[in-house]
Amino acid sequence: MSRPITLFTGQWADLPFTEVCRLAAEWGYDGLEIACSGDHFEVDRALAEPDYVAGRRKLLAEHGLGAWAISNHLVGQAVCDDPIDHRHQAILPARIWGDGEPEGVRQRAAAELADTARAAAKFGVDTVVGFTGSKIWKYVAMFPPVAAGVIEDGYTDFAQRWNPILDVFDAEGVRFAHEVHPSEIAYDYWTTQRTLAAVEHRPAFGLNWDPSHFVWQDLDPVGFILDFADRIYHVDCKDTKKRFDGRNGRLGSHLPWADARRGWDFVSTGHGDVDWEAAFRALSAIGYAGPISVEWEDAGMDRLRGAAEAVRYLREVLFEPPEAAFDSVFRTDK
């Protein structure tokens, strides 16, 4: 089973796509998880311009790189979010933000996610990674408390907005891999269960496994792989280090990343609290053969050094599983 190592380009959107391709190839990556940010992959151009997709593929080929997924986290965030405000204006394309009227933003974001499925199919990949947003994340602290019906309405709202999007994913033969993450409709074990149930476990909706968000919530990222074996559609590698000392809090105290007063921080792969060997053994057990994508967010290390270090580390620990691993009851292609 060959699992390519890719670099997620979302944290590199300030650089031209050609430069990111050059860097990733020099560092030894097999390919890219291409973000719909900057000039890396533009959904509207992919659908409107006959040569755009071929041009992206040509750039990748020139650098010996592949692509197995594209990502549209920023637009996906606006599909369900409430409130829609200045934070979204800062991350959305102007044509999605429009006049900023919240429901209009949500509807344009939903249309863009449907178009992302069409663009992915045209590009020749079968997975789109991203966020969903959430109408009820604002209630996570639960004080003042809200009625159970308010939370239930959040899942109903998610299903009503995402089922039409997923209809397009089905039609295009593409899957959506939701990144389970604080601020999303699914951010831990129980919310993931509830989210999958809200869309009736339809195959078009699966999960992007990123262990960092589990570690700082004190959840078991390896157990999550096994519990949701048939839904792991993509894998992002990002490590986390907890720093709880009696002052540092799990919620981060509104402090920037890399501030020593935080209770946790993203750190370079292999330097944190994620048990990568156990994670890769679990991925082998479920038969996951897709890309292992580095998502570089260590604010305390220069990214040019860190991204190169990450791929070297993964080359050392990402062993090929024995054939016997494919006999596992968790195998997803049975």
C-alpha atoms as a PDB file:
ATOM      1  CA  MET A   1       0.000   0.000   0.000  1.00  0.00           C
ATOM      2  CA  SER A   2       1.620   3.260  -1.110  1.00  0.00           C
ATOM      3  CA  ARG A   3       0.592   6.337   0.825  1.00  0.00           C
ATOM      4  CA  PRO A   4       1.884   9.531  -0.785  1.00  0.00           C
ATOM      5  CA  ILE A   5       3.090  12.363   1.443  1.00  0.00           C
ATOM      6  CA  THR A   6       1.622  15.702   0.415  1.00  0.00           C
ATOM      7  CA  LEU A   7       1.845  19.290   1.613  1.00  0.00           C
ATOM      8  CA  PHE A   8      -1.360  21.186   2.342  1.00  0.00           C
ATOM      9  CA  THR A   9      -0.973  24.558   0.639  1.00  0.00           C
ATOM     10  CA  GLY A  10      -3.422  26.549   2.785  1.00  0.00           C
ATOM     11  CA  GLN A  11      -0.646  28.018   4.943  1.00  0.00           C
ATOM     12  CA  TRP A  12       1.287  28.960   1.809  1.00  0.00           C
ATOM     13  CA  ALA A  13      -1.406  30.910  -0.033  1.00  0.00           C
ATOM     14  CA  ASP A  14       0.718  34.067   0.143  1.00  0.00           C
ATOM     15  CA  LEU A  15       3.136  32.414  -2.304  1.00  0.00           C
ATOM     16  CA  PRO A  16       2.394  31.799  -5.984  1.00  0.00           C
ATOM     17  CA  PHE A  17       1.403  28.224  -6.794  1.00  0.00           C
ATOM     18  CA  THR A  18       4.474  27.798  -8.977  1.00  0.00           C
ATOM     19  CA  GLU A  19       6.724  28.645  -6.024  1.00  0.00           C
ATOM     20  CA  VAL A  20       4.923  26.229  -3.701  1.00  0.00           C
ATOM     21  CA  CYS A  21       5.334  23.476  -6.297  1.00  0.00           C
ATOM     22  CA  ARG A  22       9.046  24.212  -6.542  1.00  0.00           C
ATOM     23  CA  LEU A  23       9.558  24.171  -2.774  1.00  0.00           C
ATOM     24  CA  ALA A  24       7.524  21.021  -2.186  1.00  0.00           C
ATOM     25  CA  ALA A  25       9.431  19.151  -4.887  1.00  0.00           C
ATOM     26  CA  GLU A  26      12.794  20.267  -3.498  1.00  0.00           C
ATOM     27  CA  TRP A  27      11.817  19.088  -0.020  1.00  0.00           C
ATOM     28  CA  GLY A  28      10.802  15.647  -1.282  1.00  0.00           C
ATOM     29  CA  TYR A  29       6.996  15.707  -1.142  1.00  0.00           C
ATOM     30  CA  ASP A  30       5.069  13.419  -3.478  1.00  0.00           C
ATOM     31  CA  GLY A  31       2.380  15.997  -4.138  1.00  0.00           C
ATOM     32  CA  LEU A  32       0.099  18.694  -2.812  1.00  0.00           C
ATOM     33  CA  GLU A  33      -3.243  18.951  -1.071  1.00  0.00           C
ATOM     34  CA  ILE A  34      -4.191  22.073  -2.982  1.00  0.00           C
ATOM     35  CA  ALA A  35      -6.117  24.779  -1.171  1.00  0.00           C
ATOM     36  CA  CYS A  36      -8.681  26.933  -2.940  1.00  0.00           C
ATOM     37  CA  SER A  37      -6.792  29.979  -1.668  1.00  0.00           C
ATOM     38  CA  GLY A  38      -4.547  32.539  -3.285  1.00  0.00           C
ATOM     39  CA  ASP A  39      -3.850  31.502  -6.856  1.00  0.00           C
ATOM     40  CA  HIS A  40      -3.444  27.816  -5.947  1.00  0.00           C
ATOM     41  CA  PHE A  41      -6.804  26.520  -7.171  1.00  0.00           C
ATOM     42  CA  GLU A  42      -9.579  28.883  -8.237  1.00  0.00           C
ATOM     43  CA  VAL A  43     -12.910  27.114  -8.518  1.00  0.00           C
ATOM     44  CA  ASP A  44     -14.549  29.699 -10.769  1.00  0.00           C
ATOM     45  CA  ARG A  45     -11.643  29.621 -13.214  1.00  0.00           C
ATOM     46  CA  ALA A  46     -11.494  25.807 -13.158  1.00  0.00           C
ATOM     47  CA  LEU A  47     -15.091  25.685 -14.403  1.00  0.00           C
ATOM     48  CA  ALA A  48     -15.012  28.682 -16.742  1.00  0.00           C
ATOM     49  CA  GLU A  49     -11.619  28.436 -18.467  1.00  0.00           C
ATOM     50  CA  PRO A  50     -11.035  25.422 -20.744  1.00  0.00           C
ATOM     51  CA  ASP A  51      -7.273  25.274 -20.119  1.00  0.00           C
ATOM     52  CA  TYR A  52      -7.146  26.073 -16.406  1.00  0.00           C
ATOM     53  CA  VAL A  53      -7.251  22.521 -15.008  1.00  0.00           C
ATOM     54  CA  ALA A  54      -4.749  21.292 -17.586  1.00  0.00           C
ATOM     55  CA  GLY A  55      -2.478  24.163 -16.595  1.00  0.00           C
ATOM     56  CA  ARG A  56      -2.577  23.157 -12.922  1.00  0.00           C
ATOM     57  CA  ARG A  57      -1.777  19.565 -13.837  1.00  0.00           C
ATOM     58  CA  LYS A  58       1.070  20.697 -16.083  1.00  0.00           C
ATOM     59  CA  LEU A  59       2.661  22.699 -13.263  1.00  0.00           C
ATOM     60  CA  LEU A  60       2.451  19.711 -10.952  1.00  0.00           C
ATOM     61  CA  ALA A  61       3.931  17.391 -13.570  1.00  0.00           C
ATOM     62  CA  GLU A  62       6.813  19.752 -14.249  1.00  0.00           C
ATOM     63  CA  HIS A  63       7.821  19.353 -10.611  1.00  0.00           C
ATOM     64  CA  GLY A  64       7.118  15.621 -10.382  1.00  0.00           C
ATOM     65  CA  LEU A  65       4.148  16.157  -8.054  1.00  0.00           C
ATOM     66  CA  GLY A  66       0.711  14.588  -7.819  1.00  0.00           C
ATOM     67  CA  ALA A  67      -2.575  15.731  -6.304  1.00  0.00           C
ATOM     68  CA  TRP A  68      -5.199  13.522  -4.676  1.00  0.00           C
ATOM     69  CA  ALA A  69      -7.376  16.141  -2.977  1.00  0.00           C
ATOM     70  CA  ILE A  70      -8.274  19.806  -3.041  1.00  0.00           C
ATOM     71  CA  SER A  71      -9.424  21.774  -0.016  1.00  0.00           C
ATOM     72  CA  ASN A  72     -11.912  24.592   0.435  1.00  0.00           C
ATOM     73  CA  HIS A  73     -11.952  25.219   4.172  1.00  0.00           C
ATOM     74  CA  LEU A  74     -12.523  28.966   4.105  1.00  0.00           C
ATOM     75  CA  VAL A  75     -15.630  29.026   1.928  1.00  0.00           C
ATOM     76  CA  GLY A  76     -17.018  25.922   3.644  1.00  0.00           C
ATOM     77  CA  GLN A  77     -16.845  27.742   6.972  1.00  0.00           C
ATOM     78  CA  ALA A  78     -19.433  30.235   5.782  1.00  0.00           C
ATOM     79  CA  VAL A  79     -22.068  27.682   4.770  1.00  0.00           C
ATOM     80  CA  CYS A  80     -23.477  27.212   8.290  1.00  0.00           C
ATOM     81  CA  ASP A  81     -21.811  29.842  10.453  1.00  0.00           C
ATOM     82  CA  ASP A  82     -23.810  32.210  12.627  1.00  0.00           C
ATOM     83  CA  PRO A  83     -22.912  34.987  13.019  1.00  0.00           C
ATOM     84  CA  ILE A  84     -21.443  35.901   9.644  1.00  0.00           C
ATOM     85  CA  ASP A  85     -19.260  38.926  10.287  1.00  0.00           C
ATOM     86  CA  HIS A  86     -15.943  40.694   9.712  1.00  0.00           C
ATOM     87  CA  ARG A  87     -14.028  37.450  10.297  1.00  0.00           C
ATOM     88  CA  HIS A  88     -15.622  35.891   7.227  1.00  0.00           C
ATOM     89  CA  GLN A  89     -15.085  38.993   5.130  1.00  0.00           C
ATOM     90  CA  ALA A  90     -11.364  38.631   5.862  1.00  0.00           C
ATOM     91  CA  ILE A  91     -11.168  35.052   4.508  1.00  0.00           C
ATOM     92  CA  LEU A  92     -13.759  34.876   1.729  1.00  0.00           C
ATOM     93  CA  PRO A  93     -13.374  35.838  -1.932  1.00  0.00           C
ATOM     94  CA  ALA A  94     -15.113  39.142  -2.625  1.00  0.00           C
ATOM     95  CA  ARG A  95     -17.608  37.447  -4.936  1.00  0.00           C
ATOM     96  CA  ILE A  96     -18.711  35.166  -2.060  1.00  0.00           C
ATOM     97  CA  TRP A  97     -18.854  37.971   0.510  1.00  0.00           C
ATOM     98  CA  GLY A  98     -20.810  40.267  -1.810  1.00  0.00           C
ATOM     99  CA  ASP A  99     -22.705  42.843   0.230  1.00  0.00           C
ATOM    100  CA  GLY A 100     -22.147  40.890   3.442  1.00  0.00           C
ATOM    101  CA  GLU A 101     -25.818  40.125   4.089  1.00  0.00           C
ATOM    102  CA  PRO A 102     -25.451  36.905   6.157  1.00  0.00           C
ATOM    103  CA  GLU A 103     -27.931  34.624   4.424  1.00  0.00           C
ATOM    104  CA  GLY A 104     -26.692  35.728   1.024  1.00  0.00           C
ATOM    105  CA  VAL A 105     -23.128  34.883   2.076  1.00  0.00           C
ATOM    106  CA  ARG A 106     -24.221  31.428   3.244  1.00  0.00           C
ATOM    107  CA  GLN A 107     -26.056  30.696   0.013  1.00  0.00           C
ATOM    108  CA  ARG A 108     -23.178  31.843  -2.173  1.00  0.00           C
ATOM    109  CA  ALA A 109     -20.773  29.763  -0.076  1.00  0.00           C
ATOM    110  CA  ALA A 110     -23.003  26.709  -0.498  1.00  0.00           C
ATOM    111  CA  ALA A 111     -23.107  27.220  -4.265  1.00  0.00           C
ATOM    112  CA  GLU A 112     -19.312  27.490  -4.302  1.00  0.00           C
ATOM    113  CA  LEU A 113     -18.940  24.203  -2.406  1.00  0.00           C
ATOM    114  CA  ALA A 114     -21.166  22.507  -4.968  1.00  0.00           C
ATOM    115  CA  ASP A 115     -18.998  24.020  -7.704  1.00  0.00           C
ATOM    116  CA  THR A 116     -15.914  22.771  -5.840  1.00  0.00           C
ATOM    117  CA  ALA A 117     -17.177  19.218  -6.315  1.00  0.00           C
ATOM    118  CA  ARG A 118     -17.572  19.893 -10.032  1.00  0.00           C
ATOM    119  CA  ALA A 119     -14.102  21.430 -10.226  1.00  0.00           C
ATOM    120  CA  ALA A 120     -12.565  18.498  -8.305  1.00  0.00           C
ATOM    121  CA  ALA A 121     -14.086  16.014 -10.737  1.00  0.00           C
ATOM    122  CA  LYS A 122     -12.793  18.044 -13.657  1.00  0.00           C
ATOM    123  CA  PHE A 123      -9.349  18.136 -12.022  1.00  0.00           C
ATOM    124  CA  GLY A 124      -9.405  14.374 -11.559  1.00  0.00           C
ATOM    125  CA  VAL A 125      -9.512  14.065  -7.770  1.00  0.00           C
ATOM    126  CA  ASP A 126     -12.249  12.381  -5.752  1.00  0.00           C
ATOM    127  CA  THR A 127     -11.878  14.147  -2.394  1.00  0.00           C
ATOM    128  CA  VAL A 128     -12.572  17.687  -1.230  1.00  0.00           C
ATOM    129  CA  VAL A 129     -11.391  18.530   2.281  1.00  0.00           C
ATOM    130  CA  GLY A 130     -12.946  21.346   4.253  1.00  0.00           C
ATOM    131  CA  PHE A 131     -15.003  22.883   7.010  1.00  0.00           C
ATOM    132  CA  THR A 132     -18.775  23.103   7.360  1.00  0.00           C
ATOM    133  CA  GLY A 133     -19.227  25.976   9.779  1.00  0.00           C
ATOM    134  CA  SER A 134     -21.761  25.715  12.585  1.00  0.00           C
ATOM    135  CA  LYS A 135     -24.861  27.566  13.692  1.00  0.00           C
ATOM    136  CA  ILE A 136     -24.381  26.343  17.279  1.00  0.00           C
ATOM    137  CA  TRP A 137     -20.632  26.573  17.977  1.00  0.00           C
ATOM    138  CA  LYS A 138     -21.343  29.887  19.717  1.00  0.00           C
ATOM    139  CA  TYR A 139     -23.162  27.868  22.399  1.00  0.00           C
ATOM    140  CA  VAL A 140     -20.244  25.564  23.180  1.00  0.00           C
ATOM    141  CA  ALA A 141     -19.671  27.007  26.674  1.00  0.00           C
ATOM    142  CA  MET A 142     -23.414  26.526  27.357  1.00  0.00           C
ATOM    143  CA  PHE A 143     -23.919  29.538  29.635  1.00  0.00           C
ATOM    144  CA  PRO A 144     -26.449  30.885  29.736  1.00  0.00           C
ATOM    145  CA  PRO A 145     -27.759  27.408  28.920  1.00  0.00           C
ATOM    146  CA  VAL A 146     -29.903  26.787  25.857  1.00  0.00           C
ATOM    147  CA  ALA A 147     -32.754  24.371  25.339  1.00  0.00           C
ATOM    148  CA  ALA A 148     -32.012  21.021  23.717  1.00  0.00           C
ATOM    149  CA  GLY A 149     -34.124  22.088  20.759  1.00  0.00           C
ATOM    150  CA  VAL A 150     -31.692  24.901  19.964  1.00  0.00           C
ATOM    151  CA  ILE A 151     -28.850  22.410  19.582  1.00  0.00           C
ATOM    152  CA  GLU A 152     -31.025  20.043  17.571  1.00  0.00           C
ATOM    153  CA  ASP A 153     -31.896  22.923  15.264  1.00  0.00           C
ATOM    154  CA  GLY A 154     -28.188  23.389  14.599  1.00  0.00           C
ATOM    155  CA  TYR A 155     -27.889  19.856  13.217  1.00  0.00           C
ATOM    156  CA  THR A 156     -31.096  20.283  11.244  1.00  0.00           C
ATOM    157  CA  ASP A 157     -29.735  23.503   9.752  1.00  0.00           C
ATOM    158  CA  PHE A 158     -26.491  21.719   8.833  1.00  0.00           C
ATOM    159  CA  ALA A 159     -28.361  18.900   7.098  1.00  0.00           C
ATOM    160  CA  GLN A 160     -30.657  21.256   5.207  1.00  0.00           C
ATOM    161  CA  ARG A 161     -27.736  23.292   3.900  1.00  0.00           C
ATOM    162  CA  TRP A 162     -25.343  20.421   3.168  1.00  0.00           C
ATOM    163  CA  ASN A 163     -27.595  17.743   1.689  1.00  0.00           C
ATOM    164  CA  PRO A 164     -28.100  19.713  -1.567  1.00  0.00           C
ATOM    165  CA  ILE A 165     -24.319  20.232  -1.731  1.00  0.00           C
ATOM    166  CA  LEU A 166     -23.753  16.513  -1.182  1.00  0.00           C
ATOM    167  CA  ASP A 167     -26.225  15.736  -3.967  1.00  0.00           C
ATOM    168  CA  VAL A 168     -23.765  17.431  -6.320  1.00  0.00           C
ATOM    169  CA  PHE A 169     -20.852  15.521  -4.774  1.00  0.00           C
ATOM    170  CA  ASP A 170     -22.746  12.282  -5.461  1.00  0.00           C
ATOM    171  CA  ALA A 171     -23.471  13.308  -9.027  1.00  0.00           C
ATOM    172  CA  GLU A 172     -19.792  14.107  -9.635  1.00  0.00           C
ATOM    173  CA  GLY A 173     -18.405  11.000  -7.912  1.00  0.00           C
ATOM    174  CA  VAL A 174     -16.570  13.118  -5.337  1.00  0.00           C
ATOM    175  CA  ARG A 175     -16.513  12.831  -1.521  1.00  0.00           C
ATOM    176  CA  PHE A 176     -16.377  15.587   1.100  1.00  0.00           C
ATOM    177  CA  ALA A 177     -13.925  15.034   3.974  1.00  0.00           C
ATOM    178  CA  HIS A 178     -14.993  17.244   6.880  1.00  0.00           C
ATOM    179  CA  GLU A 179     -12.137  18.305   9.137  1.00  0.00           C
ATOM    180  CA  VAL A 180     -13.337  17.573  12.670  1.00  0.00           C
ATOM    181  CA  HIS A 181     -12.281  20.773  14.409  1.00  0.00           C
ATOM    182  CA  PRO A 182     -13.413  23.241  17.074  1.00  0.00           C
ATOM    183  CA  SER A 183     -15.789  25.830  15.547  1.00  0.00           C
ATOM    184  CA  GLU A 184     -17.328  23.186  13.230  1.00  0.00           C
ATOM    185  CA  ILE A 185     -20.566  21.202  13.428  1.00  0.00           C
ATOM    186  CA  ALA A 186     -18.446  18.133  14.299  1.00  0.00           C
ATOM    187  CA  TYR A 187     -15.533  18.889  16.612  1.00  0.00           C
ATOM    188  CA  ASP A 188     -15.208  15.795  18.843  1.00  0.00           C
ATOM    189  CA  TYR A 189     -16.419  12.186  19.129  1.00  0.00           C
ATOM    190  CA  TRP A 190     -20.060  12.753  20.070  1.00  0.00           C
ATOM    191  CA  THR A 191     -20.619  15.685  17.728  1.00  0.00           C
ATOM    192  CA  THR A 192     -19.160  13.600  14.899  1.00  0.00           C
ATOM    193  CA  GLN A 193     -21.658  10.842  15.611  1.00  0.00           C
ATOM    194  CA  ARG A 194     -24.490  13.348  15.638  1.00  0.00           C
ATOM    195  CA  THR A 195     -23.309  15.051  12.451  1.00  0.00           C
ATOM    196  CA  LEU A 196     -23.136  11.786  10.497  1.00  0.00           C
ATOM    197  CA  ALA A 197     -26.602  10.887  11.723  1.00  0.00           C
ATOM    198  CA  ALA A 198     -27.933  14.289  10.630  1.00  0.00           C
ATOM    199  CA  VAL A 199     -27.091  13.460   6.982  1.00  0.00           C
ATOM    200  CA  GLU A 200     -28.171   9.828   7.454  1.00  0.00           C
ATOM    201  CA  HIS A 201     -24.619   8.529   7.058  1.00  0.00           C
ATOM    202  CA  ARG A 202     -24.646   9.203   3.341  1.00  0.00           C
ATOM    203  CA  PRO A 203     -21.350   8.097   1.745  1.00  0.00           C
ATOM    204  CA  ALA A 204     -20.617  11.485   0.202  1.00  0.00           C
ATOM    205  CA  PHE A 205     -19.873  12.913   3.661  1.00  0.00           C
ATOM    206  CA  GLY A 206     -16.802  11.628   5.495  1.00  0.00           C
ATOM    207  CA  LEU A 207     -13.980  12.870   7.674  1.00  0.00           C
ATOM    208  CA  ASN A 208     -10.536  14.393   7.457  1.00  0.00           C
ATOM    209  CA  TRP A 209      -8.487  13.011  10.347  1.00  0.00           C
ATOM    210  CA  ASP A 210      -6.251  15.648  11.954  1.00  0.00           C
ATOM    211  CA  PRO A 211      -4.989  14.470  15.375  1.00  0.00           C
ATOM    212  CA  SER A 212      -3.937  17.873  16.716  1.00  0.00           C
ATOM    213  CA  HIS A 213      -7.497  18.948  17.459  1.00  0.00           C
ATOM    214  CA  PHE A 214      -8.147  15.744  19.384  1.00  0.00           C
ATOM    215  CA  VAL A 215      -4.998  15.947  21.492  1.00  0.00           C
ATOM    216  CA  TRP A 216      -5.691  19.375  22.909  1.00  0.00           C
ATOM    217  CA  GLN A 217      -9.254  18.319  23.744  1.00  0.00           C
ATOM    218  CA  ASP A 218      -7.912  15.229  25.576  1.00  0.00           C
ATOM    219  CA  LEU A 219      -9.529  12.860  23.084  1.00  0.00           C
ATOM    220  CA  ASP A 220      -7.982   9.703  21.623  1.00  0.00           C
ATOM    221  CA  PRO A 221      -7.062  10.350  17.988  1.00  0.00           C
ATOM    222  CA  VAL A 222      -6.121   6.717  17.336  1.00  0.00           C
ATOM    223  CA  GLY A 223      -9.397   5.425  18.754  1.00  0.00           C
ATOM    224  CA  PHE A 224     -11.194   7.900  16.515  1.00  0.00           C
ATOM    225  CA  ILE A 225      -9.644   6.251  13.444  1.00  0.00           C
ATOM    226  CA  LEU A 226     -10.943   2.848  14.481  1.00  0.00           C
ATOM    227  CA  ASP A 227     -14.357   4.096  15.604  1.00  0.00           C
ATOM    228  CA  PHE A 228     -14.969   5.919  12.319  1.00  0.00           C
ATOM    229  CA  ALA A 229     -13.017   3.534  10.082  1.00  0.00           C
ATOM    230  CA  ASP A 230     -15.426   3.712   7.160  1.00  0.00           C
ATOM    231  CA  ARG A 231     -15.415   7.532   7.182  1.00  0.00           C
ATOM    232  CA  ILE A 232     -11.709   8.393   7.137  1.00  0.00           C
ATOM    233  CA  TYR A 233     -11.466   9.856   3.646  1.00  0.00           C
ATOM    234  CA  HIS A 234      -8.318  11.944   4.115  1.00  0.00           C
ATOM    235  CA  VAL A 235      -5.485  12.434   6.621  1.00  0.00           C
ATOM    236  CA  ASP A 236      -3.756  15.641   7.694  1.00  0.00           C
ATOM    237  CA  CYS A 237      -0.646  15.534   9.892  1.00  0.00           C
ATOM    238  CA  LYS A 238      -0.411  18.285  12.472  1.00  0.00           C
ATOM    239  CA  ASP A 239       1.084  17.802  15.927  1.00  0.00           C
ATOM    240  CA  THR A 240       0.118  19.428  19.221  1.00  0.00           C
ATOM    241  CA  LYS A 241       1.919  19.929  22.522  1.00  0.00           C
ATOM    242  CA  LYS A 242      -0.068  20.414  25.738  1.00  0.00           C
ATOM    243  CA  ARG A 243       1.374  22.778  28.360  1.00  0.00           C
ATOM    244  CA  PHE A 244      -0.965  22.565  31.333  1.00  0.00           C
ATOM    245  CA  ASP A 245       0.829  23.892  34.414  1.00  0.00           C
ATOM    246  CA  GLY A 246      -1.907  25.358  36.577  1.00  0.00           C
ATOM    247  CA  ARG A 247      -2.013  28.674  34.716  1.00  0.00           C
ATOM    248  CA  ASN A 248      -2.196  27.717  31.060  1.00  0.00           C
ATOM    249  CA  GLY A 249      -5.732  26.897  29.958  1.00  0.00           C
ATOM    250  CA  ARG A 250      -7.070  24.520  27.356  1.00  0.00           C
ATOM    251  CA  LEU A 251      -9.084  27.289  25.670  1.00  0.00           C
ATOM    252  CA  GLY A 252      -5.978  29.329  24.901  1.00  0.00           C
ATOM    253  CA  SER A 253      -6.855  32.544  26.780  1.00  0.00           C
ATOM    254  CA  HIS A 254      -7.213  34.506  23.496  1.00  0.00           C
ATOM    255  CA  LEU A 255      -3.430  34.374  23.153  1.00  0.00           C
ATOM    256  CA  PRO A 256      -1.692  33.978  19.767  1.00  0.00           C
ATOM    257  CA  TRP A 257      -0.195  30.696  18.666  1.00  0.00           C
ATOM    258  CA  ALA A 258       3.323  30.064  19.988  1.00  0.00           C
ATOM    259  CA  ASP A 259       2.675  32.218  23.092  1.00  0.00           C
ATOM    260  CA  ALA A 260       4.137  30.283  26.029  1.00  0.00           C
ATOM    261  CA  ARG A 261       1.146  31.214  28.215  1.00  0.00           C
ATOM    262  CA  ARG A 262      -1.227  29.089  26.140  1.00  0.00           C
ATOM    263  CA  GLY A 263      -2.248  25.660  27.366  1.00  0.00           C
ATOM    264  CA  TRP A 264      -1.375  24.058  24.032  1.00  0.00           C
ATOM    265  CA  ASP A 265       0.160  24.876  20.695  1.00  0.00           C
ATOM    266  CA  PHE A 266       0.683  23.337  17.290  1.00  0.00           C
ATOM    267  CA  VAL A 267       4.253  22.104  16.963  1.00  0.00           C
ATOM    268  CA  SER A 268       6.323  20.450  14.286  1.00  0.00           C
ATOM    269  CA  THR A 269       5.480  16.852  13.423  1.00  0.00           C
ATOM    270  CA  GLY A 270       7.129  14.416  15.800  1.00  0.00           C
ATOM    271  CA  HIS A 271       7.775  17.004  18.525  1.00  0.00           C
ATOM    272  CA  GLY A 272       4.351  16.892  20.160  1.00  0.00           C
ATOM    273  CA  ASP A 273       1.933  14.564  21.908  1.00  0.00           C
ATOM    274  CA  VAL A 274       0.595  12.624  18.904  1.00  0.00           C
ATOM    275  CA  ASP A 275       1.584   8.937  18.841  1.00  0.00           C
ATOM    276  CA  TRP A 276       2.293   8.769  15.120  1.00  0.00           C
ATOM    277  CA  GLU A 277       3.342   5.107  15.066  1.00  0.00           C
ATOM    278  CA  ALA A 278       0.060   4.070  16.695  1.00  0.00           C
ATOM    279  CA  ALA A 279      -1.835   6.321  14.294  1.00  0.00           C
ATOM    280  CA  PHE A 280      -0.224   4.836  11.209  1.00  0.00           C
ATOM    281  CA  ARG A 281      -0.813   1.314  12.525  1.00  0.00           C
ATOM    282  CA  ALA A 282      -4.491   2.184  12.944  1.00  0.00           C
ATOM    283  CA  LEU A 283      -4.659   3.638   9.435  1.00  0.00           C
ATOM    284  CA  SER A 284      -3.126   0.402   8.153  1.00  0.00           C
ATOM    285  CA  ALA A 285      -5.714  -1.599  10.094  1.00  0.00           C
ATOM    286  CA  ILE A 286      -8.596   0.177   8.380  1.00  0.00           C
ATOM    287  CA  GLY A 287      -6.964  -0.103   4.958  1.00  0.00           C
ATOM    288  CA  TYR A 288      -6.454   3.632   4.440  1.00  0.00           C
ATOM    289  CA  ALA A 289      -4.242   4.069   1.370  1.00  0.00           C
ATOM    290  CA  GLY A 290      -4.771   7.758   0.660  1.00  0.00           C
ATOM    291  CA  PRO A 291      -2.397  10.663   1.083  1.00  0.00           C
ATOM    292  CA  ILE A 292      -0.736  11.663   4.345  1.00  0.00           C
ATOM    293  CA  SER A 293      -0.804  15.441   4.138  1.00  0.00           C
ATOM    294  CA  VAL A 294       1.391  17.765   6.185  1.00  0.00           C
ATOM    295  CA  GLU A 295      -0.506  20.807   7.467  1.00  0.00           C
ATOM    296  CA  TRP A 296       2.188  23.157   8.705  1.00  0.00           C
ATOM    297  CA  GLU A 297       1.019  25.492  11.516  1.00  0.00           C
ATOM    298  CA  ASP A 298       3.939  25.678  13.931  1.00  0.00           C
ATOM    299  CA  ALA A 299       4.104  29.414  14.607  1.00  0.00           C
ATOM    300  CA  GLY A 300       7.281  28.947  16.604  1.00  0.00           C
ATOM    301  CA  MET A 301       9.382  27.543  13.762  1.00  0.00           C
ATOM    302  CA  ASP A 302      10.293  28.951  10.373  1.00  0.00           C
ATOM    303  CA  ARG A 303       8.017  27.229   7.882  1.00  0.00           C
ATOM    304  CA  LEU A 304      10.744  26.728   5.258  1.00  0.00           C
ATOM    305  CA  ARG A 305      12.731  24.708   7.764  1.00  0.00           C
ATOM    306  CA  GLY A 306       9.723  23.033   9.343  1.00  0.00           C
ATOM    307  CA  ALA A 307       7.995  21.767   6.209  1.00  0.00           C
ATOM    308  CA  ALA A 308      11.240  20.199   5.019  1.00  0.00           C
ATOM    309  CA  GLU A 309      11.779  18.609   8.430  1.00  0.00           C
ATOM    310  CA  ALA A 310       8.231  17.223   8.486  1.00  0.00           C
ATOM    311  CA  VAL A 311       8.538  15.239   5.271  1.00  0.00           C
ATOM    312  CA  ARG A 312      11.860  13.778   6.416  1.00  0.00           C
ATOM    313  CA  TYR A 313      10.286  12.695   9.695  1.00  0.00           C
ATOM    314  CA  LEU A 314       7.340  11.041   7.946  1.00  0.00           C
ATOM    315  CA  ARG A 315       9.663   9.172   5.586  1.00  0.00           C
ATOM    316  CA  GLU A 316      11.239   7.626   8.691  1.00  0.00           C
ATOM    317  CA  VAL A 317       8.055   6.617  10.523  1.00  0.00           C
ATOM    318  CA  LEU A 318       5.533   5.997   7.730  1.00  0.00           C
ATOM    319  CA  PHE A 319       6.245   2.299   7.299  1.00  0.00           C
ATOM    320  CA  GLU A 320       4.455   0.129   4.761  1.00  0.00           C
ATOM    321  CA  PRO A 321       2.078  -2.306   6.502  1.00  0.00           C
ATOM    322  CA  PRO A 322       2.298  -6.071   6.002  1.00  0.00           C
ATOM    323  CA  GLU A 323      -0.271  -7.680   3.735  1.00  0.00           C
ATOM    324  CA  ALA A 324      -1.878  -9.233   6.799  1.00  0.00           C
ATOM    325  CA  ALA A 325      -3.068  -5.781   7.830  1.00  0.00           C
ATOM    326  CA  PHE A 326      -5.537  -5.859   4.974  1.00  0.00           C
ATOM    327  CA  ASP A 327      -7.395  -8.741   6.592  1.00  0.00           C
ATOM    328  CA  SER A 328      -8.552  -6.418   9.355  1.00  0.00           C
ATOM    329  CA  VAL A 329     -12.252  -6.200  10.147  1.00  0.00           C
ATOM    330  CA  PHE A 330     -11.842  -2.438   9.828  1.00  0.00           C
ATOM    331  CA  ARG A 331     -10.845  -2.541   6.173  1.00  0.00           C
ATOM    332  CA  THR A 332     -12.890   0.128   4.375  1.00  0.00           C
ATOM    333  CA  ASP A 333     -12.935  -1.324   0.856  1.00  0.00           C
ATOM    334  CA  LYS A 334     -14.721  -4.587   1.755  1.00  0.00           C
END
